[in-house]
Amino acid sequence: MAFFSQTLRPDHPYITAGKARYAAFLAASARYEEAQPLYEEVISNMESNAVGSNFFLALQQFRFGEMVLQMGENDEAATNLQAAVDAMEQALPAGHRHTARGWVALGEALIAQRKFVQAAHYLTLATAHLKDDAREATRYTHARQLLACVEQYAG
């Protein structure tokens, strides 16, 4: 990436994609404080310069939202996850598994905000679309568990 960063502008798609991959690595390594500014820069570059597809932007918002949810920043997580879900719903076919993943993460963020009715809506959508996808069995189970928690707390 050093070669590219010397020859390309800082917001070039190659540089942005490299930073996105590095941010994902840092987040997977629980190095959230290092990943956060990279994700923010990547998302900002993509939003302001129309770098990449809507799905790629949605994917970065999703990853960033999941990371800040793990950090306990529920409001920021919900904002980014809602933006990701909205973009995925536009960019992907109805009920696509990536959109369903977004619904699960958004549902979890909404539970943390005690917005149980909204959480139940997204988790219900997710479970309906994930139940027959063997690749998503773990996420389906997680969504069902979250939905059970919503039903218990919301009464």
N, C-alpha and C. Protein backbone atom coordinates (compact mmCIF):
# COMPACT_ATOMS: atom_id res chain seq x y z
N MET A 1 0.82 -1.18 0.00
CA MET A 1 0.00 0.00 0.00
C MET A 1 0.87 1.25 0.00
N ALA A 2 2.09 1.15 0.48
CA ALA A 2 2.97 2.30 0.53
C ALA A 2 3.22 2.86 -0.87
N PHE A 3 3.44 1.98 -1.85
CA PHE A 3 3.65 2.44 -3.22
C PHE A 3 2.44 3.22 -3.72
N PHE A 4 1.25 2.65 -3.52
CA PHE A 4 0.04 3.31 -3.98
C PHE A 4 -0.18 4.64 -3.28
N SER A 5 0.10 4.69 -1.97
CA SER A 5 -0.15 5.93 -1.24
C SER A 5 0.81 7.04 -1.68
N GLN A 6 1.95 6.68 -2.29
CA GLN A 6 2.87 7.69 -2.80
C GLN A 6 2.49 8.17 -4.19
N THR A 7 1.76 7.36 -4.94
CA THR A 7 1.46 7.71 -6.33
C THR A 7 -0.01 8.07 -6.56
N LEU A 8 -0.89 7.73 -5.65
CA LEU A 8 -2.32 8.00 -5.82
C LEU A 8 -2.79 8.99 -4.77
N ARG A 9 -3.87 9.69 -5.07
CA ARG A 9 -4.43 10.62 -4.09
C ARG A 9 -4.99 9.85 -2.89
N PRO A 10 -5.08 10.47 -1.72
CA PRO A 10 -5.49 9.75 -0.49
C PRO A 10 -6.89 9.14 -0.55
N ASP A 11 -7.77 9.70 -1.38
CA ASP A 11 -9.13 9.16 -1.44
C ASP A 11 -9.36 8.28 -2.68
N HIS A 12 -8.28 7.86 -3.34
CA HIS A 12 -8.41 6.97 -4.50
C HIS A 12 -9.04 5.65 -4.05
N PRO A 13 -9.85 5.04 -4.92
CA PRO A 13 -10.51 3.78 -4.54
C PRO A 13 -9.56 2.68 -4.05
N TYR A 14 -8.37 2.57 -4.63
CA TYR A 14 -7.42 1.56 -4.16
C TYR A 14 -6.97 1.84 -2.73
N ILE A 15 -6.70 3.10 -2.43
CA ILE A 15 -6.27 3.48 -1.08
C ILE A 15 -7.42 3.27 -0.11
N THR A 16 -8.62 3.68 -0.51
CA THR A 16 -9.80 3.51 0.35
C THR A 16 -10.05 2.03 0.63
N ALA A 17 -9.96 1.20 -0.39
CA ALA A 17 -10.18 -0.25 -0.21
C ALA A 17 -9.12 -0.85 0.71
N GLY A 18 -7.88 -0.43 0.55
CA GLY A 18 -6.82 -0.93 1.42
C GLY A 18 -7.03 -0.53 2.86
N LYS A 19 -7.46 0.71 3.07
CA LYS A 19 -7.74 1.17 4.44
C LYS A 19 -8.92 0.42 5.04
N ALA A 20 -9.92 0.12 4.20
CA ALA A 20 -11.07 -0.64 4.69
C ALA A 20 -10.66 -2.03 5.14
N ARG A 21 -9.81 -2.68 4.35
CA ARG A 21 -9.33 -4.02 4.74
C ARG A 21 -8.50 -3.97 6.01
N TYR A 22 -7.67 -2.95 6.13
CA TYR A 22 -6.84 -2.81 7.33
C TYR A 22 -7.72 -2.52 8.55
N ALA A 23 -8.74 -1.69 8.38
CA ALA A 23 -9.66 -1.41 9.49
C ALA A 23 -10.37 -2.69 9.93
N ALA A 24 -10.78 -3.52 8.97
CA ALA A 24 -11.43 -4.79 9.31
C ALA A 24 -10.48 -5.70 10.07
N PHE A 25 -9.21 -5.73 9.66
CA PHE A 25 -8.21 -6.52 10.39
C PHE A 25 -8.05 -6.02 11.82
N LEU A 26 -7.94 -4.70 11.98
CA LEU A 26 -7.79 -4.14 13.31
C LEU A 26 -9.00 -4.45 14.19
N ALA A 27 -10.19 -4.31 13.62
CA ALA A 27 -11.41 -4.60 14.39
C ALA A 27 -11.46 -6.07 14.78
N ALA A 28 -11.09 -6.96 13.87
CA ALA A 28 -11.09 -8.39 14.18
C ALA A 28 -10.05 -8.73 15.25
N SER A 29 -9.05 -7.88 15.37
CA SER A 29 -8.01 -8.07 16.39
C SER A 29 -8.34 -7.34 17.68
N ALA A 30 -9.56 -6.82 17.78
CA ALA A 30 -10.04 -6.05 18.95
C ALA A 30 -9.19 -4.81 19.19
N ARG A 31 -8.66 -4.24 18.13
CA ARG A 31 -7.90 -2.98 18.22
C ARG A 31 -8.82 -1.85 17.73
N TYR A 32 -9.92 -1.70 18.47
CA TYR A 32 -11.00 -0.81 18.07
C TYR A 32 -10.58 0.66 17.95
N GLU A 33 -9.75 1.11 18.89
CA GLU A 33 -9.35 2.53 18.87
C GLU A 33 -8.54 2.87 17.62
N GLU A 34 -7.82 1.89 17.08
CA GLU A 34 -7.07 2.11 15.85
C GLU A 34 -7.98 1.97 14.62
N ALA A 35 -8.93 1.08 14.69
CA ALA A 35 -9.82 0.84 13.55
C ALA A 35 -10.84 1.96 13.37
N GLN A 36 -11.30 2.55 14.46
CA GLN A 36 -12.37 3.54 14.38
C GLN A 36 -12.04 4.71 13.45
N PRO A 37 -10.89 5.39 13.60
CA PRO A 37 -10.64 6.51 12.68
C PRO A 37 -10.48 6.07 11.22
N LEU A 38 -9.96 4.86 11.01
CA LEU A 38 -9.85 4.36 9.64
C LEU A 38 -11.22 4.14 9.02
N TYR A 39 -12.12 3.49 9.76
CA TYR A 39 -13.48 3.29 9.25
C TYR A 39 -14.15 4.63 8.97
N GLU A 40 -13.99 5.58 9.90
CA GLU A 40 -14.61 6.89 9.69
C GLU A 40 -14.08 7.57 8.44
N GLU A 41 -12.76 7.45 8.20
CA GLU A 41 -12.16 8.04 7.00
C GLU A 41 -12.66 7.34 5.73
N VAL A 42 -12.71 6.02 5.77
CA VAL A 42 -13.18 5.25 4.61
C VAL A 42 -14.62 5.63 4.27
N ILE A 43 -15.48 5.65 5.27
CA ILE A 43 -16.90 5.97 5.05
C ILE A 43 -17.04 7.40 4.54
N SER A 44 -16.30 8.32 5.14
CA SER A 44 -16.35 9.72 4.69
C SER A 44 -15.89 9.86 3.25
N ASN A 45 -14.78 9.21 2.90
CA ASN A 45 -14.29 9.26 1.51
C ASN A 45 -15.32 8.70 0.55
N MET A 46 -15.91 7.59 0.91
CA MET A 46 -16.88 6.95 0.02
C MET A 46 -18.14 7.80 -0.14
N GLU A 47 -18.59 8.41 0.95
CA GLU A 47 -19.79 9.25 0.88
C GLU A 47 -19.55 10.52 0.08
N SER A 48 -18.41 11.18 0.32
CA SER A 48 -18.17 12.47 -0.33
C SER A 48 -17.66 12.35 -1.76
N ASN A 49 -17.01 11.26 -2.09
CA ASN A 49 -16.41 11.12 -3.42
C ASN A 49 -17.07 10.05 -4.27
N ALA A 50 -18.13 9.47 -3.78
CA ALA A 50 -18.81 8.39 -4.51
C ALA A 50 -17.82 7.31 -4.91
N VAL A 51 -16.96 6.94 -3.98
CA VAL A 51 -15.95 5.91 -4.23
C VAL A 51 -16.59 4.55 -3.98
N GLY A 52 -16.61 3.70 -4.97
CA GLY A 52 -17.14 2.36 -4.80
C GLY A 52 -18.65 2.30 -4.98
N SER A 53 -19.16 1.09 -4.85
CA SER A 53 -20.59 0.88 -5.03
C SER A 53 -21.34 1.16 -3.73
N ASN A 54 -22.66 1.28 -3.83
CA ASN A 54 -23.47 1.45 -2.63
C ASN A 54 -23.31 0.27 -1.69
N PHE A 55 -23.15 -0.93 -2.25
CA PHE A 55 -22.98 -2.10 -1.40
C PHE A 55 -21.66 -2.02 -0.63
N PHE A 56 -20.58 -1.58 -1.28
CA PHE A 56 -19.30 -1.49 -0.59
C PHE A 56 -19.39 -0.47 0.55
N LEU A 57 -20.04 0.65 0.33
CA LEU A 57 -20.25 1.64 1.39
C LEU A 57 -21.09 1.01 2.50
N ALA A 58 -22.16 0.34 2.14
CA ALA A 58 -23.02 -0.31 3.14
C ALA A 58 -22.24 -1.34 3.95
N LEU A 59 -21.37 -2.07 3.29
CA LEU A 59 -20.56 -3.07 3.98
C LEU A 59 -19.64 -2.42 5.01
N GLN A 60 -19.04 -1.29 4.65
CA GLN A 60 -18.17 -0.60 5.61
C GLN A 60 -18.98 -0.02 6.78
N GLN A 61 -20.16 0.52 6.49
CA GLN A 61 -21.02 1.02 7.56
C GLN A 61 -21.45 -0.12 8.48
N PHE A 62 -21.73 -1.28 7.89
CA PHE A 62 -22.12 -2.45 8.66
C PHE A 62 -20.97 -2.89 9.57
N ARG A 63 -19.79 -3.03 9.01
CA ARG A 63 -18.63 -3.46 9.82
C ARG A 63 -18.33 -2.46 10.92
N PHE A 64 -18.37 -1.17 10.58
CA PHE A 64 -18.13 -0.14 11.58
C PHE A 64 -19.22 -0.18 12.66
N GLY A 65 -20.46 -0.33 12.25
CA GLY A 65 -21.57 -0.40 13.21
C GLY A 65 -21.44 -1.58 14.15
N GLU A 66 -21.06 -2.75 13.61
CA GLU A 66 -20.85 -3.91 14.48
C GLU A 66 -19.71 -3.67 15.47
N MET A 67 -18.65 -3.02 14.99
CA MET A 67 -17.52 -2.76 15.86
C MET A 67 -17.88 -1.81 17.00
N VAL A 68 -18.55 -0.70 16.68
CA VAL A 68 -18.88 0.24 17.73
C VAL A 68 -19.95 -0.33 18.66
N LEU A 69 -20.77 -1.26 18.18
CA LEU A 69 -21.71 -1.97 19.06
C LEU A 69 -20.94 -2.79 20.08
N GLN A 70 -19.88 -3.47 19.63
CA GLN A 70 -19.04 -4.23 20.55
C GLN A 70 -18.34 -3.31 21.55
N MET A 71 -18.08 -2.07 21.14
CA MET A 71 -17.45 -1.10 22.04
C MET A 71 -18.44 -0.50 23.03
N GLY A 72 -19.73 -0.78 22.83
CA GLY A 72 -20.76 -0.26 23.73
C GLY A 72 -21.29 1.10 23.32
N GLU A 73 -20.96 1.56 22.13
CA GLU A 73 -21.45 2.85 21.64
C GLU A 73 -22.73 2.61 20.84
N ASN A 74 -23.82 2.39 21.58
CA ASN A 74 -25.06 1.91 20.98
C ASN A 74 -25.70 2.89 20.01
N ASP A 75 -25.67 4.19 20.32
CA ASP A 75 -26.30 5.17 19.44
C ASP A 75 -25.57 5.25 18.10
N GLU A 76 -24.24 5.31 18.16
CA GLU A 76 -23.45 5.36 16.93
C GLU A 76 -23.61 4.07 16.13
N ALA A 77 -23.67 2.96 16.84
CA ALA A 77 -23.87 1.67 16.17
C ALA A 77 -25.21 1.65 15.45
N ALA A 78 -26.26 2.05 16.12
CA ALA A 78 -27.59 2.03 15.50
C ALA A 78 -27.65 2.94 14.28
N THR A 79 -27.03 4.11 14.37
CA THR A 79 -27.02 5.05 13.24
C THR A 79 -26.33 4.43 12.02
N ASN A 80 -25.15 3.85 12.24
CA ASN A 80 -24.40 3.26 11.13
C ASN A 80 -25.07 2.00 10.60
N LEU A 81 -25.62 1.20 11.48
CA LEU A 81 -26.29 -0.02 11.04
C LEU A 81 -27.57 0.29 10.29
N GLN A 82 -28.29 1.33 10.71
CA GLN A 82 -29.50 1.73 9.98
C GLN A 82 -29.13 2.20 8.58
N ALA A 83 -28.07 3.00 8.47
CA ALA A 83 -27.61 3.46 7.16
C ALA A 83 -27.19 2.28 6.29
N ALA A 84 -26.50 1.32 6.89
CA ALA A 84 -26.06 0.14 6.15
C ALA A 84 -27.25 -0.67 5.65
N VAL A 85 -28.22 -0.90 6.52
CA VAL A 85 -29.41 -1.67 6.15
C VAL A 85 -30.17 -0.96 5.03
N ASP A 86 -30.33 0.36 5.15
CA ASP A 86 -31.04 1.12 4.12
C ASP A 86 -30.34 0.97 2.76
N ALA A 87 -29.01 1.08 2.76
CA ALA A 87 -28.25 0.96 1.52
C ALA A 87 -28.30 -0.47 0.97
N MET A 88 -28.23 -1.46 1.86
CA MET A 88 -28.29 -2.85 1.41
C MET A 88 -29.66 -3.18 0.82
N GLU A 89 -30.71 -2.64 1.43
CA GLU A 89 -32.05 -2.90 0.91
C GLU A 89 -32.21 -2.33 -0.50
N GLN A 90 -31.49 -1.25 -0.82
CA GLN A 90 -31.56 -0.66 -2.15
C GLN A 90 -30.63 -1.37 -3.14
N ALA A 91 -29.45 -1.80 -2.66
CA ALA A 91 -28.43 -2.34 -3.56
C ALA A 91 -28.56 -3.83 -3.83
N LEU A 92 -29.21 -4.57 -2.94
CA LEU A 92 -29.27 -6.02 -3.05
C LEU A 92 -30.70 -6.49 -3.30
N PRO A 93 -30.86 -7.71 -3.80
CA PRO A 93 -32.21 -8.25 -3.97
C PRO A 93 -32.93 -8.36 -2.62
N ALA A 94 -34.23 -8.33 -2.65
CA ALA A 94 -35.03 -8.39 -1.42
C ALA A 94 -34.66 -9.63 -0.60
N GLY A 95 -34.43 -9.43 0.68
CA GLY A 95 -34.15 -10.52 1.60
C GLY A 95 -32.78 -11.15 1.46
N HIS A 96 -31.86 -10.49 0.78
CA HIS A 96 -30.50 -11.01 0.62
C HIS A 96 -29.88 -11.28 1.99
N ARG A 97 -29.04 -12.29 2.08
CA ARG A 97 -28.49 -12.68 3.38
C ARG A 97 -27.63 -11.58 4.01
N HIS A 98 -26.99 -10.74 3.21
CA HIS A 98 -26.22 -9.64 3.79
C HIS A 98 -27.15 -8.61 4.42
N THR A 99 -28.28 -8.38 3.79
CA THR A 99 -29.27 -7.48 4.38
C THR A 99 -29.80 -8.08 5.67
N ALA A 100 -30.06 -9.38 5.67
CA ALA A 100 -30.54 -10.05 6.88
C ALA A 100 -29.52 -9.97 8.01
N ARG A 101 -28.24 -10.06 7.67
CA ARG A 101 -27.19 -9.88 8.68
C ARG A 101 -27.28 -8.48 9.28
N GLY A 102 -27.52 -7.51 8.42
CA GLY A 102 -27.68 -6.13 8.90
C GLY A 102 -28.87 -5.99 9.83
N TRP A 103 -29.97 -6.67 9.49
CA TRP A 103 -31.15 -6.62 10.36
C TRP A 103 -30.85 -7.18 11.75
N VAL A 104 -30.07 -8.26 11.80
CA VAL A 104 -29.73 -8.86 13.10
C VAL A 104 -28.90 -7.88 13.92
N ALA A 105 -27.87 -7.32 13.32
CA ALA A 105 -27.01 -6.38 14.04
C ALA A 105 -27.78 -5.13 14.46
N LEU A 106 -28.63 -4.63 13.57
CA LEU A 106 -29.45 -3.46 13.91
C LEU A 106 -30.41 -3.80 15.04
N GLY A 107 -31.01 -4.98 14.99
CA GLY A 107 -31.89 -5.40 16.08
C GLY A 107 -31.16 -5.43 17.41
N GLU A 108 -29.94 -5.91 17.40
CA GLU A 108 -29.15 -5.95 18.63
C GLU A 108 -28.85 -4.54 19.15
N ALA A 109 -28.52 -3.63 18.25
CA ALA A 109 -28.27 -2.25 18.66
C ALA A 109 -29.54 -1.60 19.21
N LEU A 110 -30.67 -1.88 18.59
CA LEU A 110 -31.94 -1.31 19.07
C LEU A 110 -32.33 -1.88 20.43
N ILE A 111 -32.02 -3.15 20.68
CA ILE A 111 -32.26 -3.73 22.02
C ILE A 111 -31.44 -2.96 23.05
N ALA A 112 -30.18 -2.69 22.72
CA ALA A 112 -29.31 -1.96 23.64
C ALA A 112 -29.85 -0.56 23.92
N GLN A 113 -30.60 0.00 22.97
CA GLN A 113 -31.23 1.31 23.16
C GLN A 113 -32.62 1.19 23.78
N ARG A 114 -33.04 -0.03 24.06
CA ARG A 114 -34.34 -0.33 24.64
C ARG A 114 -35.49 0.05 23.69
N LYS A 115 -35.26 -0.06 22.41
CA LYS A 115 -36.28 0.17 21.37
C LYS A 115 -36.76 -1.19 20.90
N PHE A 116 -37.54 -1.83 21.74
CA PHE A 116 -37.90 -3.22 21.55
C PHE A 116 -38.82 -3.47 20.36
N VAL A 117 -39.75 -2.56 20.10
CA VAL A 117 -40.68 -2.76 18.98
C VAL A 117 -39.92 -2.73 17.65
N GLN A 118 -39.03 -1.75 17.50
CA GLN A 118 -38.24 -1.67 16.28
C GLN A 118 -37.31 -2.89 16.16
N ALA A 119 -36.71 -3.28 17.27
CA ALA A 119 -35.81 -4.44 17.26
C ALA A 119 -36.57 -5.69 16.83
N ALA A 120 -37.76 -5.87 17.37
CA ALA A 120 -38.56 -7.05 17.02
C ALA A 120 -38.87 -7.07 15.52
N HIS A 121 -39.15 -5.91 14.95
CA HIS A 121 -39.43 -5.83 13.51
C HIS A 121 -38.25 -6.36 12.69
N TYR A 122 -37.06 -5.85 12.95
CA TYR A 122 -35.88 -6.25 12.18
C TYR A 122 -35.49 -7.70 12.45
N LEU A 123 -35.61 -8.13 13.69
CA LEU A 123 -35.25 -9.51 14.02
C LEU A 123 -36.23 -10.51 13.41
N THR A 124 -37.49 -10.13 13.33
CA THR A 124 -38.49 -10.98 12.68
C THR A 124 -38.19 -11.12 11.19
N LEU A 125 -37.84 -9.99 10.55
CA LEU A 125 -37.44 -10.05 9.14
C LEU A 125 -36.23 -10.96 8.96
N ALA A 126 -35.25 -10.79 9.84
CA ALA A 126 -34.01 -11.57 9.73
C ALA A 126 -34.27 -13.07 9.88
N THR A 127 -35.03 -13.44 10.89
CA THR A 127 -35.26 -14.87 11.11
C THR A 127 -36.04 -15.48 9.94
N ALA A 128 -36.97 -14.73 9.38
CA ALA A 128 -37.74 -15.24 8.24
C ALA A 128 -36.84 -15.51 7.03
N HIS A 129 -35.83 -14.67 6.84
CA HIS A 129 -34.97 -14.82 5.67
C HIS A 129 -33.77 -15.73 5.90
N LEU A 130 -33.37 -15.91 7.14
CA LEU A 130 -32.18 -16.72 7.42
C LEU A 130 -32.49 -18.18 7.75
N LYS A 131 -33.74 -18.49 8.06
CA LYS A 131 -34.06 -19.82 8.58
C LYS A 131 -33.70 -20.97 7.64
N ASP A 132 -33.75 -20.75 6.35
CA ASP A 132 -33.48 -21.83 5.40
C ASP A 132 -32.08 -21.75 4.78
N ASP A 133 -31.25 -20.84 5.26
CA ASP A 133 -29.90 -20.66 4.71
C ASP A 133 -28.89 -21.33 5.63
N ALA A 134 -28.40 -22.49 5.22
CA ALA A 134 -27.48 -23.27 6.06
C ALA A 134 -26.20 -22.49 6.39
N ARG A 135 -25.78 -21.58 5.49
CA ARG A 135 -24.58 -20.79 5.73
C ARG A 135 -24.76 -19.83 6.90
N GLU A 136 -25.99 -19.53 7.22
CA GLU A 136 -26.30 -18.53 8.24
C GLU A 136 -26.94 -19.14 9.49
N ALA A 137 -26.70 -20.41 9.73
CA ALA A 137 -27.34 -21.10 10.86
C ALA A 137 -27.01 -20.45 12.20
N THR A 138 -25.76 -20.06 12.40
CA THR A 138 -25.35 -19.44 13.67
C THR A 138 -26.02 -18.08 13.83
N ARG A 139 -26.04 -17.29 12.76
CA ARG A 139 -26.66 -15.97 12.83
C ARG A 139 -28.17 -16.09 13.03
N TYR A 140 -28.78 -17.10 12.41
CA TYR A 140 -30.21 -17.35 12.59
C TYR A 140 -30.50 -17.66 14.06
N THR A 141 -29.70 -18.53 14.66
CA THR A 141 -29.89 -18.88 16.07
C THR A 141 -29.73 -17.65 16.95
N HIS A 142 -28.73 -16.82 16.64
CA HIS A 142 -28.51 -15.59 17.41
C HIS A 142 -29.72 -14.66 17.29
N ALA A 143 -30.25 -14.53 16.08
CA ALA A 143 -31.42 -13.67 15.87
C ALA A 143 -32.62 -14.19 16.65
N ARG A 144 -32.81 -15.51 16.68
CA ARG A 144 -33.92 -16.11 17.45
C ARG A 144 -33.75 -15.84 18.94
N GLN A 145 -32.53 -15.93 19.44
CA GLN A 145 -32.27 -15.66 20.85
C GLN A 145 -32.54 -14.19 21.18
N LEU A 146 -32.12 -13.30 20.29
CA LEU A 146 -32.39 -11.87 20.50
C LEU A 146 -33.89 -11.59 20.48
N LEU A 147 -34.58 -12.23 19.56
CA LEU A 147 -36.04 -12.05 19.47
C LEU A 147 -36.72 -12.55 20.74
N ALA A 148 -36.25 -13.64 21.30
CA ALA A 148 -36.80 -14.15 22.56
C ALA A 148 -36.55 -13.15 23.69
N CYS A 149 -35.39 -12.52 23.71
CA CYS A 149 -35.11 -11.51 24.73
C CYS A 149 -36.05 -10.31 24.57
N VAL A 150 -36.28 -9.90 23.34
CA VAL A 150 -37.20 -8.79 23.09
C VAL A 150 -38.58 -9.13 23.61
N GLU A 151 -39.06 -10.33 23.30
CA GLU A 151 -40.39 -10.74 23.76
C GLU A 151 -40.46 -10.79 25.28
N GLN A 152 -39.38 -11.19 25.93
CA GLN A 152 -39.37 -11.25 27.39
C GLN A 152 -39.38 -9.84 27.99
N TYR A 153 -38.56 -8.93 27.46
CA TYR A 153 -38.46 -7.60 28.04
C TYR A 153 -39.62 -6.70 27.65
N ALA A 154 -40.10 -6.85 26.43
CA ALA A 154 -41.19 -5.99 25.97
C ALA A 154 -42.54 -6.46 26.48
N GLY A 155 -42.55 -7.70 26.93
CA GLY A 155 -43.76 -8.24 27.51
C GLY A 155 -44.75 -8.60 26.49
